Amino acid sequence: MKPGRFITFEGPEGSGKSTHIRRLARRLRRCGLRVLVTREPGGTPTGERIRELLQHGPGGRALAPETELLLFAASRAQLVRQVIRPALRRGLWVLCDRFTDATRAYQGGGRGLDASWIESLARTVHGDLSPDLTLLLDLPVDVGLRRARARAGAAADRFEGETLQFFERVRATYLALAEREPQRFRVLDATLPPVALTEAALAALRELPGFDRCR
C-alpha cells in the first residue's frame, strides 16, 4: 500500500480555506485518490465540542490566551490519534483545514505566547508528524475580514471580532513561517477566482514526489 499524504491548508479569516479544500478534494477523488477532509479545531466528537467553546461558547470571550492554546492542543491531540494517523496508515490523502501552523500564527503571533512552549506542545501532541505540503491562502487582512464578517453577520465567531492589528500579526507570522520552510509551504493568492486558485493548488500538489495524477 502506498503511504498517504498529509496536506494542510492555512490562512487568515476570509481566505476561503473550507471552500477550496472541498473543491480540491473533489478533483483528487476524480483522479482516483482516496481523500479524507477534516478540520481544526474539530474533526472528532471531542474536538467539535472544543471548537464550539473556542468559537461560540458563552464563556469563550473570557478565555485566557494560555487556556485557548491548551484547548487547541487538546483538540489536535484527539484528531491526530483518532483520525489523521489511522487515515495515513491506510494510504489516504488527508486534507486538513488548519494544523499547528495556525497555533504558531494565532496564539504565537497574534496572542504573543511563547514560541518554545508552542513547539513543546506540538512535539507532545504529534511528535514527528508534519504536513507533506502546506498551502497558505494569503490575502490582505482588510479584504479577508470584510469577506468573513459579511459571511458570518451576527454569527461572527470570537476570532472574527479581533482587531485589525491582531490579524496583521497573524498574517506576518504565517508569511514568516512560509519563508522559513519554503520546501513545505506554497503561498497562494487567495484573491484569485476560485477555479484559478484550485488550479494553483493542484500545481503545488504536482510537486510532491510520486504524484503523477490529475494532469
Protein backbone atom coordinates (compact mmCIF):
# COMPACT_ATOMS: atom_id res chain seq x y z
CA MET A 1 0.00 0.00 0.00
CA LYS A 2 1.31 3.43 -0.92
CA PRO A 3 1.67 5.78 2.04
CA GLY A 4 -0.90 8.51 2.48
CA ARG A 5 -0.20 12.20 2.18
CA PHE A 6 -0.89 14.91 4.72
CA ILE A 7 -1.84 18.27 3.20
CA THR A 8 -2.73 21.23 5.40
CA PHE A 9 -4.46 24.47 4.47
CA GLU A 10 -3.69 27.64 6.36
CA GLY A 11 -4.72 31.26 6.11
CA PRO A 12 -6.47 34.08 7.92
CA GLU A 13 -10.18 34.76 8.15
CA GLY A 14 -11.89 35.12 4.79
CA SER A 15 -9.25 33.28 2.79
CA GLY A 16 -11.74 30.60 1.70
CA LYS A 17 -9.92 27.56 3.03
CA SER A 18 -13.01 25.42 3.60
CA THR A 19 -14.40 26.11 0.13
CA HIS A 20 -11.12 25.37 -1.61
CA ILE A 21 -10.48 22.21 0.39
CA ARG A 22 -13.82 20.84 -0.81
CA ARG A 23 -13.06 21.81 -4.41
CA LEU A 24 -9.61 20.21 -4.29
CA ALA A 25 -10.94 17.06 -2.61
CA ARG A 26 -13.44 16.58 -5.46
CA ARG A 27 -10.67 16.94 -8.03
CA LEU A 28 -8.43 14.44 -6.26
CA ARG A 29 -11.24 11.91 -5.93
CA ARG A 30 -11.95 12.17 -9.64
CA CYS A 31 -8.30 11.24 -10.13
CA GLY A 32 -8.86 8.03 -8.18
CA LEU A 33 -7.32 9.06 -4.88
CA ARG A 34 -8.87 8.22 -1.52
CA VAL A 35 -9.31 11.51 0.31
CA LEU A 36 -10.28 12.43 3.86
CA VAL A 37 -11.20 16.04 4.68
CA THR A 38 -11.02 17.20 8.29
CA ARG A 39 -10.61 20.41 10.25
CA GLU A 40 -9.14 22.07 13.30
CA PRO A 41 -10.31 22.55 15.88
CA GLY A 42 -12.78 19.72 15.44
CA GLY A 43 -12.79 16.58 13.32
CA THR A 44 -13.78 14.34 16.23
CA PRO A 45 -16.72 14.48 18.68
CA THR A 46 -14.41 15.82 21.37
CA GLY A 47 -12.80 18.29 19.00
CA GLU A 48 -16.13 19.63 17.81
CA ARG A 49 -17.19 20.37 21.38
CA ILE A 50 -13.91 22.20 21.92
CA ARG A 51 -14.48 24.10 18.67
CA GLU A 52 -17.86 25.29 19.86
CA LEU A 53 -16.36 26.53 23.11
CA LEU A 54 -13.47 28.30 21.38
CA GLN A 55 -15.59 29.98 18.74
CA HIS A 56 -19.07 30.44 20.16
CA GLY A 57 -19.25 29.23 23.76
CA PRO A 58 -20.80 31.63 26.30
CA GLY A 59 -17.58 31.66 28.29
CA GLY A 60 -15.32 31.81 25.25
CA ARG A 61 -14.64 35.53 25.30
CA ALA A 62 -13.24 35.23 28.79
CA LEU A 63 -10.69 32.56 27.85
CA ALA A 64 -7.12 33.34 28.84
CA PRO A 65 -4.67 33.02 25.94
CA GLU A 66 -2.99 30.10 27.71
CA THR A 67 -6.33 28.30 28.08
CA GLU A 68 -7.06 28.91 24.40
CA LEU A 69 -3.72 27.39 23.40
CA LEU A 70 -4.25 24.29 25.55
CA LEU A 71 -7.76 23.75 24.17
CA PHE A 72 -6.43 23.85 20.61
CA ALA A 73 -3.72 21.36 21.58
CA ALA A 74 -6.29 19.04 23.18
CA SER A 75 -8.45 19.05 20.05
CA ARG A 76 -5.39 18.41 17.87
CA ALA A 77 -4.19 15.52 20.03
CA GLN A 78 -7.54 13.77 19.64
CA LEU A 79 -7.65 14.43 15.89
CA VAL A 80 -4.13 13.12 15.30
CA ARG A 81 -4.69 9.93 17.25
CA GLN A 82 -8.25 9.18 16.21
CA VAL A 83 -8.33 10.40 12.59
CA ILE A 84 -5.12 11.58 10.93
CA ARG A 85 -2.60 8.86 11.78
CA PRO A 86 -5.04 5.97 11.08
CA ALA A 87 -6.02 7.52 7.74
CA LEU A 88 -2.40 7.98 6.69
CA ARG A 89 -1.63 4.36 7.61
CA ARG A 90 -4.47 3.28 5.30
CA GLY A 91 -2.97 5.26 2.44
CA LEU A 92 -5.49 8.11 2.37
CA TRP A 93 -4.75 11.67 1.38
CA VAL A 94 -5.67 13.78 4.41
CA LEU A 95 -6.66 17.39 3.70
CA CYS A 96 -6.81 19.33 6.97
CA ASP A 97 -8.23 22.81 7.45
CA ARG A 98 -5.56 24.24 9.80
CA PHE A 99 -2.94 22.47 11.89
CA THR A 100 -0.07 23.55 14.16
CA ASP A 101 0.93 26.45 11.91
CA ALA A 102 -2.36 28.08 12.88
CA THR A 103 -1.33 27.89 16.53
CA ARG A 104 2.03 29.42 15.68
CA ALA A 105 0.28 32.25 13.84
CA TYR A 106 -2.72 32.93 16.08
CA GLN A 107 -1.57 32.07 19.60
CA GLY A 108 2.09 32.81 18.91
CA GLY A 109 1.99 35.78 16.55
CA GLY A 110 -1.47 37.07 17.43
CA ARG A 111 -1.56 36.49 21.19
CA GLY A 112 2.18 36.74 21.81
CA LEU A 113 2.52 33.40 23.62
CA ASP A 114 5.98 31.89 23.93
CA ALA A 115 7.10 30.07 20.77
CA SER A 116 9.13 27.49 22.69
CA TRP A 117 6.02 26.45 24.66
CA ILE A 118 4.04 26.10 21.43
CA GLU A 119 6.77 23.89 19.93
CA SER A 120 6.94 21.78 23.08
CA LEU A 121 3.19 21.18 22.89
CA ALA A 122 3.50 20.34 19.19
CA ARG A 123 6.10 17.66 19.92
CA THR A 124 3.87 16.21 22.64
CA VAL A 125 0.73 16.21 20.50
CA HIS A 126 2.01 14.92 17.17
CA GLY A 127 5.69 14.08 17.53
CA ASP A 128 7.38 13.76 14.15
CA LEU A 129 4.15 14.09 12.15
CA SER A 130 4.46 17.05 9.82
CA PRO A 131 2.48 18.01 6.71
CA ASP A 132 3.90 16.89 3.37
CA LEU A 133 2.66 20.19 1.98
CA THR A 134 1.09 23.31 3.48
CA LEU A 135 -0.95 25.58 1.23
CA LEU A 136 -1.10 29.09 2.69
CA LEU A 137 -4.03 31.04 1.23
CA ASP A 138 -2.85 34.59 1.65
CA LEU A 139 -4.71 37.86 1.16
CA PRO A 140 -4.70 41.38 2.63
CA VAL A 141 -6.14 41.48 6.12
CA ASP A 142 -8.82 44.07 5.37
CA VAL A 143 -10.09 42.05 2.40
CA GLY A 144 -10.26 38.85 4.44
CA LEU A 145 -12.08 40.48 7.33
CA ARG A 146 -14.67 42.04 5.03
CA ARG A 147 -15.33 38.63 3.49
CA ALA A 148 -15.51 36.83 6.84
CA ARG A 149 -17.76 39.37 8.55
CA ALA A 150 -20.09 39.63 5.56
CA ARG A 151 -20.43 35.85 5.52
CA ALA A 152 -20.95 35.47 9.27
CA GLY A 153 -23.13 38.50 10.01
CA ALA A 154 -24.47 38.33 13.54
CA ALA A 155 -22.98 34.83 13.92
CA ALA A 156 -19.37 36.07 13.76
CA ASP A 157 -17.13 33.96 15.98
CA ARG A 158 -14.77 35.08 18.73
CA PHE A 159 -11.77 35.38 16.41
CA GLU A 160 -13.58 37.39 13.75
CA GLY A 161 -14.15 40.05 16.40
CA GLU A 162 -10.42 40.60 16.92
CA THR A 163 -8.68 43.83 15.90
CA LEU A 164 -7.04 44.60 12.58
CA GLN A 165 -3.67 44.72 14.36
CA PHE A 166 -4.19 41.19 15.70
CA PHE A 167 -4.74 39.85 12.19
CA GLU A 168 -1.80 41.79 10.79
CA ARG A 169 0.39 39.97 13.31
CA VAL A 170 -1.19 36.64 12.33
CA ARG A 171 -0.56 37.24 8.64
CA ALA A 172 3.02 38.37 9.25
CA THR A 173 3.70 35.20 11.24
CA TYR A 174 2.22 32.99 8.53
CA LEU A 175 4.41 34.62 5.87
CA ALA A 176 7.48 34.31 8.09
CA LEU A 177 6.77 30.59 8.56
CA ALA A 178 6.46 30.15 4.79
CA GLU A 179 9.75 31.95 4.24
CA ARG A 180 11.45 29.79 6.85
CA GLU A 181 10.18 26.49 5.35
CA PRO A 182 9.93 27.03 1.58
CA GLN A 183 10.19 23.29 0.91
CA ARG A 184 6.90 22.67 2.74
CA PHE A 185 4.89 25.85 2.17
CA ARG A 186 3.33 27.15 -1.02
CA VAL A 187 1.82 30.63 -0.73
CA LEU A 188 -1.27 31.03 -2.92
CA ASP A 189 -3.05 34.26 -3.78
CA ALA A 190 -6.48 33.91 -2.16
CA THR A 191 -7.84 36.85 -4.15
CA LEU A 192 -7.73 34.71 -7.32
CA PRO A 193 -11.01 33.42 -8.78
CA PRO A 194 -11.97 30.01 -7.31
CA VAL A 195 -11.11 27.99 -10.42
CA ALA A 196 -7.70 29.63 -10.74
CA LEU A 197 -6.95 29.06 -7.07
CA THR A 198 -7.86 25.36 -7.34
CA GLU A 199 -5.52 25.02 -10.32
CA ALA A 200 -2.75 26.72 -8.36
CA ALA A 201 -3.28 24.26 -5.50
CA LEU A 202 -3.14 21.30 -7.92
CA ALA A 203 0.08 22.67 -9.40
CA ALA A 204 1.59 22.70 -5.90
CA LEU A 205 0.47 19.10 -5.31
CA ARG A 206 2.15 18.00 -8.54
CA GLU A 207 5.48 18.98 -7.00
CA LEU A 208 5.15 16.18 -4.43
CA PRO A 209 7.41 13.19 -5.18
CA GLY A 210 5.47 10.42 -6.90
CA PHE A 211 2.35 12.46 -7.54
CA ASP A 212 1.59 11.88 -11.22
CA ARG A 213 -2.20 12.19 -11.26
CA CYS A 214 -4.59 15.00 -12.10
CA ARG A 215 -2.54 16.15 -15.10
